[in-house]
């Protein structure tokens, strides 16, 4: 299928699909005329990418994780490197949450108590 059909089937813009290709997340074949041609499994791959993005993973991390992803849900095969990568992502999120809590506390200190 061409990029327009993949876009229609997934609800993802053609521009974003080209970005996924640039990031190494999608690998289309090229017709003799240079058009991108995607296999049917590209629909599942795009849905996996979208789900992983929604989980807060960057495209760099998704590129690492994608070979371990199965199904549209997606489900992850837990190899040691994948577990390490996901733990690192969780640790980074925990740090950001802690930073935001501290920032919120500092800002809240400037707000007068309502009376």
PDB file of N, CA and C in Angstrom:
ATOM      1  N   UNK A   1       0.855  -1.176   0.000  1.00  0.00           N
ATOM      2  CA  UNK A   1       0.000   0.000   0.000  1.00  0.00           C
ATOM      3  C   UNK A   1       0.896   1.231   0.000  1.00  0.00           C
ATOM      4  N   UNK A   2       0.387   2.305  -0.528  1.00  0.00           N
ATOM      5  CA  UNK A   2       1.132   3.556  -0.558  1.00  0.00           C
ATOM      6  C   UNK A   2       0.864   4.344   0.716  1.00  0.00           C
ATOM      7  N   UNK A   3       1.607   5.405   0.889  1.00  0.00           N
ATOM      8  CA  UNK A   3       1.560   6.182   2.125  1.00  0.00           C
ATOM      9  C   UNK A   3       0.174   6.759   2.389  1.00  0.00           C
ATOM     10  N   UNK A   4      -0.547   7.156   1.345  1.00  0.00           N
ATOM     11  CA  UNK A   4      -1.896   7.705   1.530  1.00  0.00           C
ATOM     12  C   UNK A   4      -2.850   6.682   2.117  1.00  0.00           C
ATOM     13  N   UNK A   5      -2.749   5.447   1.660  1.00  0.00           N
ATOM     14  CA  UNK A   5      -3.611   4.394   2.188  1.00  0.00           C
ATOM     15  C   UNK A   5      -3.230   4.060   3.624  1.00  0.00           C
ATOM     16  N   UNK A   6      -1.927   4.005   3.902  1.00  0.00           N
ATOM     17  CA  UNK A   6      -1.493   3.740   5.282  1.00  0.00           C
ATOM     18  C   UNK A   6      -1.993   4.848   6.202  1.00  0.00           C
ATOM     19  N   UNK A   7      -1.924   6.071   5.736  1.00  0.00           N
ATOM     20  CA  UNK A   7      -2.424   7.197   6.513  1.00  0.00           C
ATOM     21  C   UNK A   7      -3.915   7.040   6.788  1.00  0.00           C
ATOM     22  N   UNK A   8      -4.675   6.687   5.761  1.00  0.00           N
ATOM     23  CA  UNK A   8      -6.129   6.520   5.922  1.00  0.00           C
ATOM     24  C   UNK A   8      -6.459   5.372   6.865  1.00  0.00           C
ATOM     25  N   UNK A   9      -5.714   4.286   6.772  1.00  0.00           N
ATOM     26  CA  UNK A   9      -6.007   3.107   7.601  1.00  0.00           C
ATOM     27  C   UNK A   9      -5.607   3.285   9.058  1.00  0.00           C
ATOM     28  N   UNK A  10      -4.643   4.178   9.329  1.00  0.00           N
ATOM     29  CA  UNK A  10      -4.157   4.351  10.704  1.00  0.00           C
ATOM     30  C   UNK A  10      -4.604   5.662  11.345  1.00  0.00           C
ATOM     31  N   UNK A  11      -5.049   6.613  10.516  1.00  0.00           N
ATOM     32  CA  UNK A  11      -5.408   7.923  11.048  1.00  0.00           C
ATOM     33  C   UNK A  11      -4.203   8.784  11.372  1.00  0.00           C
ATOM     34  N   UNK A  12      -3.042   8.406  10.873  1.00  0.00           N
ATOM     35  CA  UNK A  12      -1.802   9.140  11.116  1.00  0.00           C
ATOM     36  C   UNK A  12      -1.450   9.880   9.825  1.00  0.00           C
ATOM     37  N   UNK A  13      -1.089  11.144   9.944  1.00  0.00           N
ATOM     38  CA  UNK A  13      -0.813  11.948   8.752  1.00  0.00           C
ATOM     39  C   UNK A  13       0.383  11.402   7.973  1.00  0.00           C
ATOM     40  N   UNK A  14       0.391  11.691   6.691  1.00  0.00           N
ATOM     41  CA  UNK A  14       1.504  11.271   5.839  1.00  0.00           C
ATOM     42  C   UNK A  14       2.813  11.896   6.318  1.00  0.00           C
ATOM     43  N   UNK A  15       2.729  13.122   6.760  1.00  0.00           N
ATOM     44  CA  UNK A  15       3.923  13.811   7.268  1.00  0.00           C
ATOM     45  C   UNK A  15       4.509  13.051   8.460  1.00  0.00           C
ATOM     46  N   UNK A  16       3.646  12.621   9.362  1.00  0.00           N
ATOM     47  CA  UNK A  16       4.097  11.881  10.533  1.00  0.00           C
ATOM     48  C   UNK A  16       4.647  10.511  10.140  1.00  0.00           C
ATOM     49  N   UNK A  17       4.033   9.869   9.171  1.00  0.00           N
ATOM     50  CA  UNK A  17       4.553   8.585   8.691  1.00  0.00           C
ATOM     51  C   UNK A  17       5.949   8.751   8.100  1.00  0.00           C
ATOM     52  N   UNK A  18       6.182   9.841   7.372  1.00  0.00           N
ATOM     53  CA  UNK A  18       7.526  10.099   6.834  1.00  0.00           C
ATOM     54  C   UNK A  18       8.513  10.349   7.973  1.00  0.00           C
ATOM     55  N   UNK A  19       8.045  11.027   9.026  1.00  0.00           N
ATOM     56  CA  UNK A  19       8.892  11.246  10.204  1.00  0.00           C
ATOM     57  C   UNK A  19       9.266   9.911  10.849  1.00  0.00           C
ATOM     58  N   UNK A  20       8.289   9.018  10.990  1.00  0.00           N
ATOM     59  CA  UNK A  20       8.578   7.693  11.547  1.00  0.00           C
ATOM     60  C   UNK A  20       9.629   6.982  10.699  1.00  0.00           C
ATOM     61  N   UNK A  21       9.542   7.146   9.402  1.00  0.00           N
ATOM     62  CA  UNK A  21      10.542   6.546   8.514  1.00  0.00           C
ATOM     63  C   UNK A  21      11.920   7.163   8.772  1.00  0.00           C
ATOM     64  N   UNK A  22      11.984   8.487   8.877  1.00  0.00           N
ATOM     65  CA  UNK A  22      13.251   9.170   9.162  1.00  0.00           C
ATOM     66  C   UNK A  22      13.860   8.679  10.469  1.00  0.00           C
ATOM     67  N   UNK A  23      13.011   8.371  11.443  1.00  0.00           N
ATOM     68  CA  UNK A  23      13.472   7.912  12.753  1.00  0.00           C
ATOM     69  C   UNK A  23      13.822   6.426  12.769  1.00  0.00           C
ATOM     70  N   UNK A  24      13.621   5.734  11.660  1.00  0.00           N
ATOM     71  CA  UNK A  24      13.932   4.311  11.580  1.00  0.00           C
ATOM     72  C   UNK A  24      12.870   3.412  12.169  1.00  0.00           C
ATOM     73  N   UNK A  25      11.655   3.939  12.349  1.00  0.00           N
ATOM     74  CA  UNK A  25      10.577   3.164  12.942  1.00  0.00           C
ATOM     75  C   UNK A  25       9.764   2.416  11.892  1.00  0.00           C
ATOM     76  N   UNK A  26       9.680   2.955  10.703  1.00  0.00           N
ATOM     77  CA  UNK A  26       8.988   2.338   9.568  1.00  0.00           C
ATOM     78  C   UNK A  26       9.978   2.209   8.416  1.00  0.00           C
ATOM     79  N   UNK A  27       9.920   1.084   7.741  1.00  0.00           N
ATOM     80  CA  UNK A  27      10.835   0.873   6.622  1.00  0.00           C
ATOM     81  C   UNK A  27      10.038   0.425   5.394  1.00  0.00           C
ATOM     82  N   UNK A  28       9.645   1.381   4.554  1.00  0.00           N
ATOM     83  CA  UNK A  28       8.916   1.011   3.343  1.00  0.00           C
ATOM     84  C   UNK A  28       9.878   0.554   2.246  1.00  0.00           C
ATOM     85  N   UNK A  29       9.322  -0.142   1.285  1.00  0.00           N
ATOM     86  CA  UNK A  29      10.071  -0.435   0.061  1.00  0.00           C
ATOM     87  C   UNK A  29       9.828   0.740  -0.876  1.00  0.00           C
ATOM     88  N   UNK A  30      10.566   0.798  -1.959  1.00  0.00           N
ATOM     89  CA  UNK A  30      10.352   1.844  -2.964  1.00  0.00           C
ATOM     90  C   UNK A  30      10.003   1.202  -4.296  1.00  0.00           C
ATOM     91  N   UNK A  31       8.944   1.723  -4.925  1.00  0.00           N
ATOM     92  CA  UNK A  31       8.574   1.310  -6.282  1.00  0.00           C
ATOM     93  C   UNK A  31       9.640   1.796  -7.256  1.00  0.00           C
ATOM     94  N   UNK A  32       9.550   1.326  -8.475  1.00  0.00           N
ATOM     95  CA  UNK A  32      10.477   1.790  -9.502  1.00  0.00           C
ATOM     96  C   UNK A  32      10.348   3.293  -9.729  1.00  0.00           C
ATOM     97  N   UNK A  33       9.165   3.837  -9.454  1.00  0.00           N
ATOM     98  CA  UNK A  33       8.955   5.280  -9.598  1.00  0.00           C
ATOM     99  C   UNK A  33       9.329   6.061  -8.336  1.00  0.00           C
ATOM    100  N   UNK A  34       9.822   5.360  -7.315  1.00  0.00           N
ATOM    101  CA  UNK A  34      10.272   6.011  -6.086  1.00  0.00           C
ATOM    102  C   UNK A  34       9.220   6.155  -5.006  1.00  0.00           C
ATOM    103  N   UNK A  35       7.979   5.775  -5.287  1.00  0.00           N
ATOM    104  CA  UNK A  35       6.930   5.867  -4.275  1.00  0.00           C
ATOM    105  C   UNK A  35       7.172   4.874  -3.154  1.00  0.00           C
ATOM    106  N   UNK A  36       6.815   5.292  -1.945  1.00  0.00           N
ATOM    107  CA  UNK A  36       6.896   4.395  -0.795  1.00  0.00           C
ATOM    108  C   UNK A  36       5.805   3.335  -0.918  1.00  0.00           C
ATOM    109  N   UNK A  37       6.176   2.096  -0.598  1.00  0.00           N
ATOM    110  CA  UNK A  37       5.207   0.997  -0.589  1.00  0.00           C
ATOM    111  C   UNK A  37       5.363   0.283   0.748  1.00  0.00           C
ATOM    112  N   UNK A  38       4.247   0.205   1.476  1.00  0.00           N
ATOM    113  CA  UNK A  38       4.251  -0.416   2.799  1.00  0.00           C
ATOM    114  C   UNK A  38       3.567  -1.772   2.742  1.00  0.00           C
ATOM    115  N   UNK A  39       4.096  -2.719   3.504  1.00  0.00           N
ATOM    116  CA  UNK A  39       3.443  -4.018   3.653  1.00  0.00           C
ATOM    117  C   UNK A  39       2.242  -3.854   4.578  1.00  0.00           C
ATOM    118  N   UNK A  40       1.344  -4.843   4.564  1.00  0.00           N
ATOM    119  CA  UNK A  40       0.154  -4.778   5.411  1.00  0.00           C
ATOM    120  C   UNK A  40       0.491  -4.689   6.893  1.00  0.00           C
ATOM    121  N   UNK A  41       1.620  -5.266   7.310  1.00  0.00           N
ATOM    122  CA  UNK A  41       1.980  -5.229   8.734  1.00  0.00           C
ATOM    123  C   UNK A  41       2.382  -3.832   9.195  1.00  0.00           C
ATOM    124  N   UNK A  42       2.556  -2.890   8.269  1.00  0.00           N
ATOM    125  CA  UNK A  42       2.878  -1.514   8.647  1.00  0.00           C
ATOM    126  C   UNK A  42       1.742  -0.880   9.453  1.00  0.00           C
ATOM    127  N   UNK A  43       0.511  -1.311   9.206  1.00  0.00           N
ATOM    128  CA  UNK A  43      -0.626  -0.789   9.965  1.00  0.00           C
ATOM    129  C   UNK A  43      -0.446  -1.120  11.441  1.00  0.00           C
ATOM    130  N   UNK A  44      -0.090  -2.351  11.741  1.00  0.00           N
ATOM    131  CA  UNK A  44       0.135  -2.765  13.133  1.00  0.00           C
ATOM    132  C   UNK A  44       1.327  -2.016  13.712  1.00  0.00           C
ATOM    133  N   UNK A  45       2.392  -1.877  12.933  1.00  0.00           N
ATOM    134  CA  UNK A  45       3.582  -1.171  13.412  1.00  0.00           C
ATOM    135  C   UNK A  45       3.251   0.266  13.783  1.00  0.00           C
ATOM    136  N   UNK A  46       2.479   0.947  12.955  1.00  0.00           N
ATOM    137  CA  UNK A  46       2.096   2.330  13.260  1.00  0.00           C
ATOM    138  C   UNK A  46       1.266   2.373  14.539  1.00  0.00           C
ATOM    139  N   UNK A  47       0.363   1.444  14.707  1.00  0.00           N
ATOM    140  CA  UNK A  47      -0.443   1.410  15.942  1.00  0.00           C
ATOM    141  C   UNK A  47       0.433   1.139  17.163  1.00  0.00           C
ATOM    142  N   UNK A  48       1.438   0.295  17.012  1.00  0.00           N
ATOM    143  CA  UNK A  48       2.376   0.041  18.104  1.00  0.00           C
ATOM    144  C   UNK A  48       3.140   1.314  18.448  1.00  0.00           C
ATOM    145  N   UNK A  49       3.622   2.000  17.426  1.00  0.00           N
ATOM    146  CA  UNK A  49       4.357   3.248  17.641  1.00  0.00           C
ATOM    147  C   UNK A  49       3.487   4.248  18.384  1.00  0.00           C
ATOM    148  N   UNK A  50       2.245   4.406  17.955  1.00  0.00           N
ATOM    149  CA  UNK A  50       1.334   5.353  18.594  1.00  0.00           C
ATOM    150  C   UNK A  50       1.090   4.985  20.060  1.00  0.00           C
ATOM    151  N   UNK A  51       0.921   3.700  20.340  1.00  0.00           N
ATOM    152  CA  UNK A  51       0.695   3.257  21.724  1.00  0.00           C
ATOM    153  C   UNK A  51       1.921   3.524  22.590  1.00  0.00           C
ATOM    154  N   UNK A  52       3.099   3.279  22.051  1.00  0.00           N
ATOM    155  CA  UNK A  52       4.327   3.513  22.816  1.00  0.00           C
ATOM    156  C   UNK A  52       4.577   5.003  23.016  1.00  0.00           C
ATOM    157  N   UNK A  53       4.253   5.819  22.022  1.00  0.00           N
ATOM    158  CA  UNK A  53       4.345   7.268  22.198  1.00  0.00           C
ATOM    159  C   UNK A  53       3.385   7.728  23.290  1.00  0.00           C
ATOM    160  N   UNK A  54       2.182   7.161  23.299  1.00  0.00           N
ATOM    161  CA  UNK A  54       1.191   7.513  24.317  1.00  0.00           C
ATOM    162  C   UNK A  54       1.658   7.108  25.720  1.00  0.00           C
ATOM    163  N   UNK A  55       2.520   6.092  25.784  1.00  0.00           N
ATOM    164  CA  UNK A  55       3.075   5.660  27.070  1.00  0.00           C
ATOM    165  C   UNK A  55       4.237   6.548  27.506  1.00  0.00           C
ATOM    166  N   UNK A  56       4.563   7.546  26.672  1.00  0.00           N
ATOM    167  CA  UNK A  56       5.590   8.506  27.061  1.00  0.00           C
ATOM    168  C   UNK A  56       6.983   8.193  26.556  1.00  0.00           C
ATOM    169  N   UNK A  57       7.117   7.200  25.696  1.00  0.00           N
ATOM    170  CA  UNK A  57       8.439   6.858  25.179  1.00  0.00           C
ATOM    171  C   UNK A  57       8.786   7.746  23.993  1.00  0.00           C
ATOM    172  N   UNK A  58      10.052   8.091  23.881  1.00  0.00           N
ATOM    173  CA  UNK A  58      10.518   8.883  22.747  1.00  0.00           C
ATOM    174  C   UNK A  58      10.715   7.975  21.537  1.00  0.00           C
ATOM    175  N   UNK A  59      10.841   8.578  20.378  1.00  0.00           N
ATOM    176  CA  UNK A  59      11.066   7.766  19.180  1.00  0.00           C
ATOM    177  C   UNK A  59      12.402   7.037  19.249  1.00  0.00           C
ATOM    178  N   UNK A  60      13.380   7.619  19.915  1.00  0.00           N
ATOM    179  CA  UNK A  60      14.675   6.928  20.078  1.00  0.00           C
ATOM    180  C   UNK A  60      14.506   5.648  20.897  1.00  0.00           C
ATOM    181  N   UNK A  61      13.764   5.737  21.970  1.00  0.00           N
ATOM    182  CA  UNK A  61      13.517   4.567  22.811  1.00  0.00           C
ATOM    183  C   UNK A  61      12.644   3.565  22.055  1.00  0.00           C
ATOM    184  N   UNK A  62      11.652   4.064  21.337  1.00  0.00           N
ATOM    185  CA  UNK A  62      10.771   3.168  20.579  1.00  0.00           C
ATOM    186  C   UNK A  62      11.568   2.385  19.544  1.00  0.00           C
ATOM    187  N   UNK A  63      12.544   3.029  18.920  1.00  0.00           N
ATOM    188  CA  UNK A  63      13.389   2.329  17.947  1.00  0.00           C
ATOM    189  C   UNK A  63      14.090   1.135  18.604  1.00  0.00           C
ATOM    190  N   UNK A  64      14.512   1.310  19.841  1.00  0.00           N
ATOM    191  CA  UNK A  64      15.143   0.216  20.602  1.00  0.00           C
ATOM    192  C   UNK A  64      14.133  -0.873  20.960  1.00  0.00           C
ATOM    193  N   UNK A  65      12.955  -0.450  21.364  1.00  0.00           N
ATOM    194  CA  UNK A  65      11.936  -1.335  21.918  1.00  0.00           C
ATOM    195  C   UNK A  65      11.151  -2.084  20.834  1.00  0.00           C
ATOM    196  N   UNK A  66      10.974  -1.471  19.682  1.00  0.00           N
ATOM    197  CA  UNK A  66      10.081  -1.994  18.643  1.00  0.00           C
ATOM    198  C   UNK A  66      10.344  -3.455  18.257  1.00  0.00           C
ATOM    199  N   UNK A  67      11.585  -3.904  18.195  1.00  0.00           N
ATOM    200  CA  UNK A  67      11.785  -5.326  17.861  1.00  0.00           C
ATOM    201  C   UNK A  67      11.199  -6.293  18.895  1.00  0.00           C
ATOM    202  N   UNK A  68      10.938  -5.819  20.109  1.00  0.00           N
ATOM    203  CA  UNK A  68      10.393  -6.671  21.162  1.00  0.00           C
ATOM    204  C   UNK A  68       8.880  -6.538  21.285  1.00  0.00           C
ATOM    205  N   UNK A  69       8.253  -5.793  20.393  1.00  0.00           N
ATOM    206  CA  UNK A  69       6.818  -5.510  20.479  1.00  0.00           C
ATOM    207  C   UNK A  69       6.044  -6.496  19.627  1.00  0.00           C
ATOM    208  N   UNK A  70       4.942  -7.001  20.203  1.00  0.00           N
ATOM    209  CA  UNK A  70       4.074  -7.935  19.483  1.00  0.00           C
ATOM    210  C   UNK A  70       2.629  -7.466  19.596  1.00  0.00           C
ATOM    211  N   UNK A  71       1.892  -7.533  18.520  1.00  0.00           N
ATOM    212  CA  UNK A  71       0.465  -7.233  18.529  1.00  0.00           C
ATOM    213  C   UNK A  71       0.149  -5.756  18.589  1.00  0.00           C
ATOM    214  N   UNK A  72      -1.123  -5.434  18.384  1.00  0.00           N
ATOM    215  CA  UNK A  72      -1.557  -4.040  18.351  1.00  0.00           C
ATOM    216  C   UNK A  72      -1.659  -3.406  19.726  1.00  0.00           C
ATOM    217  N   UNK A  73      -1.798  -4.213  20.756  1.00  0.00           N
ATOM    218  CA  UNK A  73      -2.067  -3.683  22.098  1.00  0.00           C
ATOM    219  C   UNK A  73      -1.017  -2.680  22.549  1.00  0.00           C
ATOM    220  N   UNK A  74       0.221  -2.700  22.446  1.00  0.00           N
ATOM    221  CA  UNK A  74       1.092  -3.820  22.117  1.00  0.00           C
ATOM    222  C   UNK A  74       1.546  -4.554  23.370  1.00  0.00           C
ATOM    223  N   UNK A  75       2.056  -5.752  23.171  1.00  0.00           N
ATOM    224  CA  UNK A  75       2.656  -6.531  24.249  1.00  0.00           C
ATOM    225  C   UNK A  75       4.154  -6.558  24.018  1.00  0.00           C
ATOM    226  N   UNK A  76       4.915  -6.553  25.104  1.00  0.00           N
ATOM    227  CA  UNK A  76       6.365  -6.513  25.012  1.00  0.00           C
ATOM    228  C   UNK A  76       6.966  -7.835  25.464  1.00  0.00           C
ATOM    229  N   UNK A  77       7.917  -8.337  24.691  1.00  0.00           N
ATOM    230  CA  UNK A  77       8.701  -9.492  25.121  1.00  0.00           C
ATOM    231  C   UNK A  77       9.801  -8.951  26.025  1.00  0.00           C
ATOM    232  N   UNK A  78       9.845  -9.401  27.256  1.00  0.00           N
ATOM    233  CA  UNK A  78      10.743  -8.811  28.244  1.00  0.00           C
ATOM    234  C   UNK A  78      12.147  -9.414  28.202  1.00  0.00           C
ATOM    235  N   UNK A  79      12.949  -8.931  27.285  1.00  0.00           N
ATOM    236  CA  UNK A  79      14.357  -9.309  27.270  1.00  0.00           C
ATOM    237  C   UNK A  79      15.094  -8.369  28.234  1.00  0.00           C
ATOM    238  N   UNK A  80      16.271  -8.759  28.728  1.00  0.00           N
ATOM    239  CA  UNK A  80      16.969  -7.943  29.736  1.00  0.00           C
ATOM    240  C   UNK A  80      17.208  -6.492  29.302  1.00  0.00           C
ATOM    241  N   UNK A  81      17.578  -6.270  28.047  1.00  0.00           N
ATOM    242  CA  UNK A  81      17.841  -4.894  27.618  1.00  0.00           C
ATOM    243  C   UNK A  81      16.559  -4.069  27.609  1.00  0.00           C
ATOM    244  N   UNK A  82      15.449  -4.680  27.281  1.00  0.00           N
ATOM    245  CA  UNK A  82      14.172  -3.974  27.282  1.00  0.00           C
ATOM    246  C   UNK A  82      13.767  -3.595  28.701  1.00  0.00           C
ATOM    247  N   UNK A  83      13.913  -4.524  29.628  1.00  0.00           N
ATOM    248  CA  UNK A  83      13.589  -4.241  31.026  1.00  0.00           C
ATOM    249  C   UNK A  83      14.441  -3.077  31.527  1.00  0.00           C
ATOM    250  N   UNK A  84      15.732  -3.097  31.206  1.00  0.00           N
ATOM    251  CA  UNK A  84      16.635  -2.025  31.629  1.00  0.00           C
ATOM    252  C   UNK A  84      16.184  -0.682  31.030  1.00  0.00           C
ATOM    253  N   UNK A  85      15.849  -0.679  29.757  1.00  0.00           N
ATOM    254  CA  UNK A  85      15.407   0.548  29.087  1.00  0.00           C
ATOM    255  C   UNK A  85      14.136   1.087  29.725  1.00  0.00           C
ATOM    256  N   UNK A  86      13.168   0.227  29.971  1.00  0.00           N
ATOM    257  CA  UNK A  86      11.906   0.673  30.578  1.00  0.00           C
ATOM    258  C   UNK A  86      12.107   1.165  32.004  1.00  0.00           C
ATOM    259  N   UNK A  87      12.979   0.507  32.758  1.00  0.00           N
ATOM    260  CA  UNK A  87      13.267   0.973  34.125  1.00  0.00           C
ATOM    261  C   UNK A  87      13.916   2.363  34.093  1.00  0.00           C
ATOM    262  N   UNK A  88      14.826   2.570  33.137  1.00  0.00           N
ATOM    263  CA  UNK A  88      15.460   3.882  32.997  1.00  0.00           C
ATOM    264  C   UNK A  88      14.411   4.950  32.692  1.00  0.00           C
ATOM    265  N   UNK A  89      13.449   4.626  31.838  1.00  0.00           N
ATOM    266  CA  UNK A  89      12.386   5.568  31.502  1.00  0.00           C
ATOM    267  C   UNK A  89      11.518   5.869  32.719  1.00  0.00           C
ATOM    268  N   UNK A  90      11.191   4.832  33.486  1.00  0.00           N
ATOM    269  CA  UNK A  90      10.406   5.038  34.709  1.00  0.00           C
ATOM    270  C   UNK A  90      11.167   5.882  35.723  1.00  0.00           C
ATOM    271  N   UNK A  91      12.461   5.633  35.872  1.00  0.00           N
ATOM    272  CA  UNK A  91      13.272   6.430  36.793  1.00  0.00           C
ATOM    273  C   UNK A  91      13.300   7.898  36.366  1.00  0.00           C
ATOM    274  N   UNK A  92      13.434   8.137  35.069  1.00  0.00           N
ATOM    275  CA  UNK A  92      13.446   9.508  34.566  1.00  0.00           C
ATOM    276  C   UNK A  92      12.107  10.193  34.834  1.00  0.00           C
ATOM    277  N   UNK A  93      11.014   9.464  34.654  1.00  0.00           N
ATOM    278  CA  UNK A  93       9.688  10.025  34.949  1.00  0.00           C
ATOM    279  C   UNK A  93       9.536  10.341  36.425  1.00  0.00           C
ATOM    280  N   UNK A  94      10.006   9.442  37.280  1.00  0.00           N
ATOM    281  CA  UNK A  94       9.935   9.683  38.722  1.00  0.00           C
ATOM    282  C   UNK A  94      10.706  10.948  39.107  1.00  0.00           C
ATOM    283  N   UNK A  95      11.875  11.154  38.499  1.00  0.00           N
ATOM    284  CA  UNK A  95      12.653  12.364  38.768  1.00  0.00           C
ATOM    285  C   UNK A  95      11.892  13.608  38.329  1.00  0.00           C
ATOM    286  N   UNK A  96      11.280  13.543  37.155  1.00  0.00           N
ATOM    287  CA  UNK A  96      10.510  14.687  36.657  1.00  0.00           C
ATOM    288  C   UNK A  96       9.327  14.980  37.571  1.00  0.00           C
ATOM    289  N   UNK A  97       8.673  13.925  38.050  1.00  0.00           N
ATOM    290  CA  UNK A  97       7.537  14.106  38.963  1.00  0.00           C
ATOM    291  C   UNK A  97       8.003  14.767  40.252  1.00  0.00           C
ATOM    292  N   UNK A  98       9.128  14.317  40.795  1.00  0.00           N
ATOM    293  CA  UNK A  98       9.675  14.925  42.014  1.00  0.00           C
ATOM    294  C   UNK A  98      10.004  16.403  41.786  1.00  0.00           C
ATOM    295  N   UNK A  99      10.632  16.707  40.648  1.00  0.00           N
ATOM    296  CA  UNK A  99      10.967  18.097  40.323  1.00  0.00           C
ATOM    297  C   UNK A  99       9.706  18.947  40.224  1.00  0.00           C
ATOM    298  N   UNK A 100       8.681  18.416  39.577  1.00  0.00           N
ATOM    299  CA  UNK A 100       7.426  19.159  39.442  1.00  0.00           C
ATOM    300  C   UNK A 100       6.761  19.390  40.796  1.00  0.00           C
ATOM    301  N   UNK A 101       6.836  18.402  41.681  1.00  0.00           N
ATOM    302  CA  UNK A 101       6.259  18.580  43.026  1.00  0.00           C
ATOM    303  C   UNK A 101       6.979  19.694  43.784  1.00  0.00           C
ATOM    304  N   UNK A 102       8.307  19.713  43.670  1.00  0.00           N
ATOM    305  CA  UNK A 102       9.071  20.766  44.343  1.00  0.00           C
ATOM    306  C   UNK A 102       8.745  22.134  43.753  1.00  0.00           C
ATOM    307  N   UNK A 103       8.658  22.202  42.442  1.00  0.00           N
ATOM    308  CA  UNK A 103       8.327  23.456  41.776  1.00  0.00           C
ATOM    309  C   UNK A 103       6.934  23.914  42.170  1.00  0.00           C
ATOM    310  N   UNK A 104       6.005  22.987  42.227  1.00  0.00           N
ATOM    311  CA  UNK A 104       4.639  23.325  42.621  1.00  0.00           C
ATOM    312  C   UNK A 104       4.601  23.865  44.042  1.00  0.00           C
ATOM    313  N   UNK A 105       5.346  23.208  44.929  1.00  0.00           N
ATOM    314  CA  UNK A 105       5.391  23.665  46.322  1.00  0.00           C
ATOM    315  C   UNK A 105       5.958  25.079  46.437  1.00  0.00           C
ATOM    316  N   UNK A 106       7.005  25.345  45.678  1.00  0.00           N
ATOM    317  CA  UNK A 106       7.605  26.688  45.705  1.00  0.00           C
ATOM    318  C   UNK A 106       6.630  27.716  45.178  1.00  0.00           C
ATOM    319  N   UNK A 107       5.934  27.402  44.115  1.00  0.00           N
ATOM    320  CA  UNK A 107       4.956  28.340  43.549  1.00  0.00           C
ATOM    321  C   UNK A 107       3.764  28.517  44.483  1.00  0.00           C
ATOM    322  N   UNK A 108       3.292  27.457  45.072  1.00  0.00           N
ATOM    323  CA  UNK A 108       2.135  27.523  45.974  1.00  0.00           C
ATOM    324  C   UNK A 108       2.441  28.392  47.193  1.00  0.00           C
ATOM    325  N   UNK A 109       3.703  28.469  47.570  1.00  0.00           N
ATOM    326  CA  UNK A 109       4.069  29.278  48.726  1.00  0.00           C
ATOM    327  C   UNK A 109       3.819  30.771  48.455  1.00  0.00           C
ATOM    328  N   UNK A 110       3.779  31.161  47.198  1.00  0.00           N
ATOM    329  CA  UNK A 110       3.524  32.577  46.848  1.00  0.00           C
ATOM    330  C   UNK A 110       2.038  32.908  46.784  1.00  0.00           C
ATOM    331  N   UNK A 111       1.191  31.913  46.772  1.00  0.00           N
ATOM    332  CA  UNK A 111      -0.242  32.139  46.659  1.00  0.00           C
ATOM    333  C   UNK A 111      -0.814  32.295  48.073  1.00  0.00           C
ATOM    334  N   UNK A 112      -1.469  33.438  48.323  1.00  0.00           N
ATOM    335  CA  UNK A 112      -2.029  33.631  49.665  1.00  0.00           C
ATOM    336  C   UNK A 112      -3.163  32.626  49.933  1.00  0.00           C
ATOM    337  N   UNK A 113      -3.266  32.236  51.177  1.00  0.00           N
ATOM    338  CA  UNK A 113      -4.352  31.334  51.566  1.00  0.00           C
ATOM    339  C   UNK A 113      -5.668  32.058  51.421  1.00  0.00           C
ATOM    340  N   UNK A 114      -6.655  31.363  50.864  1.00  0.00           N
ATOM    341  CA  UNK A 114      -7.967  32.008  50.698  1.00  0.00           C
ATOM    342  C   UNK A 114      -8.672  32.056  52.048  1.00  0.00           C
ATOM    343  N   UNK A 115      -9.324  33.109  52.270  1.00  0.00           N
ATOM    344  CA  UNK A 115      -9.915  33.320  53.575  1.00  0.00           C
ATOM    345  C   UNK A 115     -11.348  33.357  53.531  1.00  0.00           C
TER     346      UNK A 115
END
